[in-house]
Amino acid sequence: MIAAIAAYFVIVDFPASKSNTFLTEDERAFVQARLIEDRGAEDEHVKINAAVVLRTAMDWKIWSFSMMYFAGARYDAQTLLVGAGTLTQSTAASTLSPSSSQSSSVKV
């Protein structure tokens, strides 16, 4: 709760906001241009169709962040299961990579 109250006062609004005082005018224009490049102009509303879905599915940022998320979730799940005693260390080591099941020297 304390963090939420502090965040209300610490987190700044968008660059165009009056409360945003730490950016210079050049920095503010740069950030606004990057936002428009990334998500489009605010008055530009795109209807969802097959082309928009395909373009979104082909965006490298979506795939890279998805891979990072699932790699972290896989590691976290293995760590929790080994810690709880429901998964042995040798079984966890064999799930890390195909080559790790051939080597008995892998430690988890």
N, C-alpha and C. Protein backbone atom coordinates (compact mmCIF):
# COMPACT_ATOMS: atom_id res chain seq x y z
N MET A 1 0.82 -1.19 0.00
CA MET A 1 0.00 0.00 0.00
C MET A 1 0.87 1.26 0.00
N ILE A 2 1.95 1.20 0.79
CA ILE A 2 2.85 2.35 0.85
C ILE A 2 3.52 2.57 -0.50
N ALA A 3 3.89 1.47 -1.15
CA ALA A 3 4.52 1.58 -2.47
C ALA A 3 3.57 2.19 -3.49
N ALA A 4 2.31 1.85 -3.40
CA ALA A 4 1.32 2.40 -4.34
C ALA A 4 1.15 3.90 -4.13
N ILE A 5 1.14 4.32 -2.91
CA ILE A 5 1.00 5.76 -2.62
C ILE A 5 2.25 6.50 -3.08
N ALA A 6 3.42 5.93 -2.82
CA ALA A 6 4.67 6.56 -3.27
C ALA A 6 4.73 6.61 -4.79
N ALA A 7 4.27 5.56 -5.45
CA ALA A 7 4.31 5.50 -6.91
C ALA A 7 3.43 6.59 -7.52
N TYR A 8 2.33 6.92 -6.88
CA TYR A 8 1.45 7.97 -7.38
C TYR A 8 2.19 9.29 -7.51
N PHE A 9 3.09 9.55 -6.60
CA PHE A 9 3.82 10.81 -6.61
C PHE A 9 5.13 10.74 -7.40
N VAL A 10 5.67 9.55 -7.59
CA VAL A 10 6.98 9.40 -8.22
C VAL A 10 6.88 9.15 -9.72
N ILE A 11 5.95 8.30 -10.15
CA ILE A 11 5.84 7.95 -11.56
C ILE A 11 5.26 9.13 -12.32
N VAL A 12 5.94 9.50 -13.40
CA VAL A 12 5.50 10.66 -14.17
C VAL A 12 4.51 10.25 -15.24
N ASP A 13 3.76 11.22 -15.70
CA ASP A 13 2.78 11.01 -16.74
C ASP A 13 3.51 11.01 -18.09
N PHE A 14 2.77 11.05 -19.17
CA PHE A 14 3.36 11.08 -20.50
C PHE A 14 4.17 12.36 -20.71
N PRO A 15 5.07 12.36 -21.70
CA PRO A 15 5.95 13.51 -21.91
C PRO A 15 5.20 14.82 -22.15
N ALA A 16 4.02 14.78 -22.70
CA ALA A 16 3.27 16.00 -22.98
C ALA A 16 2.59 16.59 -21.74
N SER A 17 2.62 15.85 -20.65
CA SER A 17 1.95 16.29 -19.43
C SER A 17 2.64 17.51 -18.81
N LYS A 18 1.85 18.36 -18.17
CA LYS A 18 2.40 19.54 -17.49
C LYS A 18 3.23 19.13 -16.27
N SER A 19 2.91 17.99 -15.65
CA SER A 19 3.64 17.56 -14.46
C SER A 19 5.02 16.99 -14.80
N ASN A 20 5.29 16.77 -16.05
CA ASN A 20 6.58 16.24 -16.48
C ASN A 20 7.56 17.41 -16.61
N THR A 21 8.38 17.60 -15.58
CA THR A 21 9.28 18.75 -15.57
C THR A 21 10.75 18.38 -15.73
N PHE A 22 11.09 17.09 -15.73
CA PHE A 22 12.50 16.73 -15.77
C PHE A 22 13.05 16.58 -17.19
N LEU A 23 12.20 16.56 -18.20
CA LEU A 23 12.65 16.48 -19.59
C LEU A 23 12.80 17.87 -20.19
N THR A 24 13.84 18.04 -20.99
CA THR A 24 13.97 19.30 -21.73
C THR A 24 13.02 19.24 -22.92
N GLU A 25 12.84 20.34 -23.61
CA GLU A 25 11.94 20.37 -24.75
C GLU A 25 12.41 19.42 -25.86
N ASP A 26 13.73 19.35 -26.09
CA ASP A 26 14.27 18.44 -27.11
C ASP A 26 14.02 16.98 -26.73
N GLU A 27 14.25 16.65 -25.45
CA GLU A 27 14.02 15.28 -24.98
C GLU A 27 12.54 14.92 -25.06
N ARG A 28 11.69 15.87 -24.72
CA ARG A 28 10.25 15.64 -24.77
C ARG A 28 9.80 15.36 -26.20
N ALA A 29 10.31 16.14 -27.16
CA ALA A 29 9.97 15.92 -28.58
C ALA A 29 10.49 14.58 -29.06
N PHE A 30 11.69 14.19 -28.62
CA PHE A 30 12.26 12.90 -29.00
C PHE A 30 11.41 11.74 -28.48
N VAL A 31 11.02 11.81 -27.22
CA VAL A 31 10.22 10.74 -26.62
C VAL A 31 8.85 10.66 -27.29
N GLN A 32 8.23 11.79 -27.56
CA GLN A 32 6.93 11.79 -28.23
C GLN A 32 7.03 11.21 -29.63
N ALA A 33 8.12 11.52 -30.35
CA ALA A 33 8.30 10.95 -31.69
C ALA A 33 8.47 9.44 -31.62
N ARG A 34 9.21 8.95 -30.62
CA ARG A 34 9.38 7.51 -30.46
C ARG A 34 8.06 6.82 -30.12
N LEU A 35 7.25 7.46 -29.28
CA LEU A 35 5.94 6.90 -28.94
C LEU A 35 5.04 6.81 -30.17
N ILE A 36 5.03 7.85 -30.98
CA ILE A 36 4.21 7.85 -32.20
C ILE A 36 4.71 6.79 -33.17
N GLU A 37 6.03 6.64 -33.27
CA GLU A 37 6.61 5.62 -34.15
C GLU A 37 6.24 4.21 -33.68
N ASP A 38 6.22 4.00 -32.38
CA ASP A 38 5.96 2.67 -31.85
C ASP A 38 4.49 2.30 -31.87
N ARG A 39 3.61 3.22 -31.51
CA ARG A 39 2.19 2.85 -31.38
C ARG A 39 1.26 3.64 -32.28
N GLY A 40 1.79 4.57 -33.06
CA GLY A 40 0.95 5.35 -33.97
C GLY A 40 0.44 6.61 -33.32
N ALA A 41 -0.08 7.49 -34.13
CA ALA A 41 -0.62 8.75 -33.62
C ALA A 41 -1.86 8.49 -32.79
N GLU A 42 -2.13 9.37 -31.84
CA GLU A 42 -3.27 9.17 -30.95
C GLU A 42 -4.60 9.30 -31.67
N ASP A 43 -4.65 10.09 -32.72
CA ASP A 43 -5.90 10.24 -33.45
C ASP A 43 -6.07 9.15 -34.50
N GLU A 44 -5.10 8.29 -34.63
CA GLU A 44 -5.13 7.20 -35.62
C GLU A 44 -5.66 5.93 -34.96
N HIS A 45 -6.86 5.53 -35.31
CA HIS A 45 -7.46 4.33 -34.77
C HIS A 45 -7.48 3.27 -35.87
N VAL A 46 -6.82 2.15 -35.60
CA VAL A 46 -6.72 1.08 -36.59
C VAL A 46 -7.74 0.01 -36.24
N LYS A 47 -8.54 -0.36 -37.21
CA LYS A 47 -9.48 -1.46 -37.00
C LYS A 47 -8.71 -2.76 -37.08
N ILE A 48 -9.08 -3.69 -36.23
CA ILE A 48 -8.39 -4.97 -36.20
C ILE A 48 -8.87 -5.83 -37.36
N ASN A 49 -7.91 -6.24 -38.18
CA ASN A 49 -8.19 -7.16 -39.28
C ASN A 49 -7.03 -8.14 -39.38
N ALA A 50 -7.04 -8.98 -40.38
CA ALA A 50 -6.02 -10.01 -40.51
C ALA A 50 -4.63 -9.41 -40.69
N ALA A 51 -4.52 -8.30 -41.41
CA ALA A 51 -3.21 -7.68 -41.62
C ALA A 51 -2.63 -7.16 -40.31
N VAL A 52 -3.46 -6.57 -39.47
CA VAL A 52 -2.99 -6.05 -38.18
C VAL A 52 -2.56 -7.20 -37.28
N VAL A 53 -3.33 -8.27 -37.26
CA VAL A 53 -2.98 -9.44 -36.45
C VAL A 53 -1.68 -10.06 -36.94
N LEU A 54 -1.50 -10.17 -38.24
CA LEU A 54 -0.28 -10.74 -38.80
C LEU A 54 0.92 -9.85 -38.50
N ARG A 55 0.76 -8.54 -38.63
CA ARG A 55 1.85 -7.62 -38.34
C ARG A 55 2.25 -7.70 -36.87
N THR A 56 1.28 -7.82 -35.99
CA THR A 56 1.56 -7.95 -34.57
C THR A 56 2.24 -9.28 -34.27
N ALA A 57 1.79 -10.34 -34.90
CA ALA A 57 2.39 -11.66 -34.69
C ALA A 57 3.82 -11.73 -35.21
N MET A 58 4.16 -10.91 -36.18
CA MET A 58 5.50 -10.92 -36.74
C MET A 58 6.45 -9.93 -36.06
N ASP A 59 5.97 -9.22 -35.05
CA ASP A 59 6.80 -8.23 -34.35
C ASP A 59 7.83 -8.95 -33.49
N TRP A 60 9.10 -8.63 -33.68
CA TRP A 60 10.17 -9.32 -32.96
C TRP A 60 10.11 -9.06 -31.47
N LYS A 61 9.56 -7.91 -31.06
CA LYS A 61 9.50 -7.61 -29.63
C LYS A 61 8.54 -8.56 -28.91
N ILE A 62 7.44 -8.89 -29.56
CA ILE A 62 6.48 -9.82 -28.97
C ILE A 62 7.14 -11.17 -28.73
N TRP A 63 7.84 -11.67 -29.74
CA TRP A 63 8.47 -13.00 -29.65
C TRP A 63 9.62 -13.00 -28.64
N SER A 64 10.43 -11.96 -28.64
CA SER A 64 11.57 -11.95 -27.71
C SER A 64 11.11 -11.89 -26.26
N PHE A 65 10.12 -11.06 -25.97
CA PHE A 65 9.63 -10.99 -24.60
C PHE A 65 8.87 -12.25 -24.20
N SER A 66 8.20 -12.89 -25.14
CA SER A 66 7.54 -14.15 -24.85
C SER A 66 8.55 -15.23 -24.50
N MET A 67 9.63 -15.30 -25.28
CA MET A 67 10.67 -16.29 -25.00
C MET A 67 11.33 -16.03 -23.64
N MET A 68 11.58 -14.77 -23.33
CA MET A 68 12.18 -14.46 -22.03
C MET A 68 11.22 -14.85 -20.90
N TYR A 69 9.94 -14.61 -21.09
CA TYR A 69 8.96 -14.95 -20.05
C TYR A 69 8.91 -16.46 -19.84
N PHE A 70 8.79 -17.21 -20.93
CA PHE A 70 8.66 -18.66 -20.79
C PHE A 70 9.95 -19.31 -20.31
N ALA A 71 11.10 -18.77 -20.67
CA ALA A 71 12.37 -19.30 -20.17
C ALA A 71 12.45 -19.07 -18.66
N GLY A 72 12.03 -17.91 -18.21
CA GLY A 72 12.03 -17.63 -16.77
C GLY A 72 11.02 -18.47 -16.04
N ALA A 73 9.85 -18.68 -16.62
CA ALA A 73 8.82 -19.49 -15.98
C ALA A 73 9.27 -20.94 -15.88
N ARG A 74 9.97 -21.43 -16.89
CA ARG A 74 10.47 -22.81 -16.86
C ARG A 74 11.50 -22.96 -15.75
N TYR A 75 12.41 -22.00 -15.65
CA TYR A 75 13.43 -22.06 -14.61
C TYR A 75 12.79 -21.96 -13.23
N ASP A 76 11.85 -21.05 -13.06
CA ASP A 76 11.21 -20.88 -11.76
C ASP A 76 10.44 -22.13 -11.35
N ALA A 77 9.74 -22.75 -12.30
CA ALA A 77 8.97 -23.95 -11.99
C ALA A 77 9.91 -25.07 -11.54
N GLN A 78 11.04 -25.24 -12.24
CA GLN A 78 11.98 -26.28 -11.85
C GLN A 78 12.56 -26.00 -10.47
N THR A 79 12.88 -24.76 -10.19
CA THR A 79 13.44 -24.41 -8.89
C THR A 79 12.44 -24.69 -7.78
N LEU A 80 11.19 -24.34 -8.00
CA LEU A 80 10.16 -24.58 -6.98
C LEU A 80 9.92 -26.07 -6.76
N LEU A 81 9.88 -26.83 -7.84
CA LEU A 81 9.62 -28.26 -7.71
C LEU A 81 10.78 -28.99 -7.04
N VAL A 82 12.02 -28.61 -7.34
CA VAL A 82 13.17 -29.23 -6.67
C VAL A 82 13.16 -28.85 -5.19
N GLY A 83 12.86 -27.59 -4.91
CA GLY A 83 12.82 -27.14 -3.52
C GLY A 83 11.73 -27.81 -2.71
N ALA A 84 10.62 -28.13 -3.35
CA ALA A 84 9.51 -28.78 -2.65
C ALA A 84 9.73 -30.28 -2.51
N GLY A 85 10.73 -30.80 -3.21
CA GLY A 85 11.02 -32.23 -3.11
C GLY A 85 10.19 -33.09 -4.04
N THR A 86 9.39 -32.48 -4.91
CA THR A 86 8.58 -33.27 -5.83
C THR A 86 9.31 -33.60 -7.12
N LEU A 87 10.45 -32.97 -7.34
CA LEU A 87 11.26 -33.22 -8.53
C LEU A 87 12.69 -33.42 -8.07
N THR A 88 13.30 -34.52 -8.45
CA THR A 88 14.66 -34.78 -8.02
C THR A 88 15.64 -33.95 -8.83
N GLN A 89 16.82 -33.76 -8.31
CA GLN A 89 17.81 -32.95 -9.00
C GLN A 89 18.25 -33.60 -10.31
N SER A 90 18.33 -34.89 -10.36
CA SER A 90 18.75 -35.55 -11.60
C SER A 90 17.68 -35.39 -12.68
N THR A 91 16.40 -35.42 -12.30
CA THR A 91 15.33 -35.21 -13.27
C THR A 91 15.33 -33.77 -13.75
N ALA A 92 15.55 -32.85 -12.85
CA ALA A 92 15.59 -31.43 -13.23
C ALA A 92 16.77 -31.17 -14.15
N ALA A 93 17.91 -31.80 -13.90
CA ALA A 93 19.08 -31.61 -14.74
C ALA A 93 18.84 -32.16 -16.14
N SER A 94 18.10 -33.22 -16.26
CA SER A 94 17.85 -33.80 -17.58
C SER A 94 16.85 -32.98 -18.39
N THR A 95 16.10 -32.10 -17.75
CA THR A 95 15.15 -31.27 -18.50
C THR A 95 15.74 -29.95 -18.94
N LEU A 96 16.95 -29.63 -18.50
CA LEU A 96 17.55 -28.35 -18.87
C LEU A 96 17.90 -28.29 -20.34
N SER A 97 18.52 -29.33 -20.87
CA SER A 97 18.87 -29.36 -22.29
C SER A 97 19.03 -30.81 -22.71
N PRO A 98 18.93 -31.09 -24.00
CA PRO A 98 19.08 -32.47 -24.46
C PRO A 98 20.45 -33.05 -24.12
N SER A 99 21.50 -32.25 -24.16
CA SER A 99 22.84 -32.77 -23.88
C SER A 99 23.08 -33.00 -22.40
N SER A 100 22.29 -32.35 -21.52
CA SER A 100 22.54 -32.50 -20.09
C SER A 100 22.12 -33.87 -19.58
N SER A 101 21.25 -34.58 -20.31
CA SER A 101 20.84 -35.91 -19.85
C SER A 101 21.94 -36.93 -20.09
N GLN A 102 22.89 -36.61 -20.97
CA GLN A 102 23.98 -37.52 -21.23
C GLN A 102 25.12 -37.33 -20.24
N SER A 103 25.16 -36.20 -19.58
CA SER A 103 26.24 -35.91 -18.65
C SER A 103 25.72 -36.01 -17.23
N SER A 104 26.43 -36.77 -16.41
CA SER A 104 26.02 -36.91 -15.02
C SER A 104 26.63 -35.85 -14.13
N SER A 105 27.46 -34.96 -14.69
CA SER A 105 28.13 -33.96 -13.88
C SER A 105 27.34 -32.66 -13.77
N VAL A 106 26.15 -32.60 -14.35
CA VAL A 106 25.33 -31.38 -14.29
C VAL A 106 24.71 -31.27 -12.91
N LYS A 107 24.89 -30.11 -12.28
CA LYS A 107 24.32 -29.84 -10.96
C LYS A 107 23.26 -28.78 -11.08
N VAL A 108 22.17 -28.96 -10.36
CA VAL A 108 21.09 -27.98 -10.38
C VAL A 108 21.11 -27.18 -9.11
